[in-house]
Protein backbone atom coordinates (compact mmCIF):
# COMPACT_ATOMS: atom_id res chain seq x y z
CA UNK A 1 -1.81 -1.68 8.67
CA UNK A 2 0.33 -3.71 10.43
CA UNK A 3 3.13 -6.08 8.72
CA UNK A 4 1.16 -9.31 10.07
CA UNK A 5 -2.38 -8.27 8.48
CA UNK A 6 -0.18 -7.66 4.87
CA UNK A 7 1.61 -11.16 5.55
CA UNK A 8 -1.83 -12.91 6.27
CA UNK A 9 -2.93 -11.95 2.21
CA UNK A 10 -2.23 -13.76 -0.71
CA UNK A 11 -0.43 -12.36 -3.68
CA UNK A 12 -4.79 -11.64 -5.27
CA UNK A 13 -5.34 -9.89 -2.04
CA UNK A 14 -2.31 -8.14 -1.75
CA UNK A 15 -2.77 -6.60 -5.80
CA UNK A 16 -6.29 -5.46 -4.95
CA UNK A 17 -4.95 -3.53 -1.84
CA UNK A 18 -2.30 -2.17 -3.59
CA UNK A 19 -4.16 -0.47 -6.48
CA UNK A 20 -6.62 0.79 -3.72
CA UNK A 21 -3.92 1.86 -1.72
CA UNK A 22 -2.54 3.98 -4.70
CA UNK A 23 -5.89 5.24 -5.78
CA UNK A 24 -6.02 6.69 -2.48
CA UNK A 25 -2.89 8.41 -2.79
CA UNK A 26 -3.97 9.64 -5.81
CA UNK A 27 -6.59 11.64 -4.21
CA UNK A 28 -5.25 12.33 -0.99
CA UNK A 29 -2.39 14.41 -3.24
CA UNK A 30 -5.09 15.99 -5.21
CA UNK A 31 -6.99 17.31 -1.65
CA UNK A 32 -3.37 18.68 -0.30
CA UNK A 33 -3.09 20.26 -3.72
CA UNK A 34 -6.23 22.02 -3.19
CA UNK A 35 -5.55 22.66 0.14
CA UNK A 36 -8.43 20.20 1.85
CA UNK A 37 -6.46 17.74 3.13
CA UNK A 38 -7.11 17.81 6.80
CA UNK A 39 -4.10 15.16 7.96
CA UNK A 40 -1.13 15.52 5.95
CA UNK A 41 0.42 12.85 7.65
CA UNK A 42 -2.34 10.70 5.97
CA UNK A 43 0.09 10.46 3.09
CA UNK A 44 3.20 9.61 4.74
CA UNK A 45 0.96 6.14 5.98
CA UNK A 46 -0.69 5.40 2.59
CA UNK A 47 3.02 5.66 1.33
CA UNK A 48 4.45 3.42 3.88
CA UNK A 49 1.49 0.89 3.49
CA UNK A 50 1.99 0.76 -0.42
CA UNK A 51 6.00 0.20 0.33
CA UNK A 52 4.73 -2.87 3.32
CA UNK A 53 2.20 -4.65 0.29
CA UNK A 54 5.05 -4.24 -2.28
CA UNK A 55 7.83 -5.83 0.26
CA UNK A 56 5.40 -8.87 1.16
CA UNK A 57 4.39 -9.12 -2.83
CA UNK A 58 8.33 -9.14 -3.68
CA UNK A 59 8.88 -11.80 -1.00
CA UNK A 60 6.20 -14.24 -2.14
CA UNK A 61 7.62 -13.69 -6.09
CA UNK A 62 10.86 -14.45 -4.54
CA UNK A 63 9.64 -17.40 -2.66
CA UNK A 64 7.86 -18.74 -5.32
CA UNK A 65 11.03 -18.39 -7.55
CA UNK A 66 12.80 -20.72 -5.59
CA UNK A 67 10.70 -23.55 -5.48
């Protein structure tokens, strides 16, 4: 997921995306623990996507606080 895609979303969409990504990360960790994960780099990508979403949410929050 690109940062430009994340910035196009509103706060509700970002919160839904964040919860979905956290759920995905949980399942990826479970698969990794049971040696069923084919591509371990998916964990890293998912963590970065979570960070992107959280960053944009925080930017939206601080922008609304300043107004």
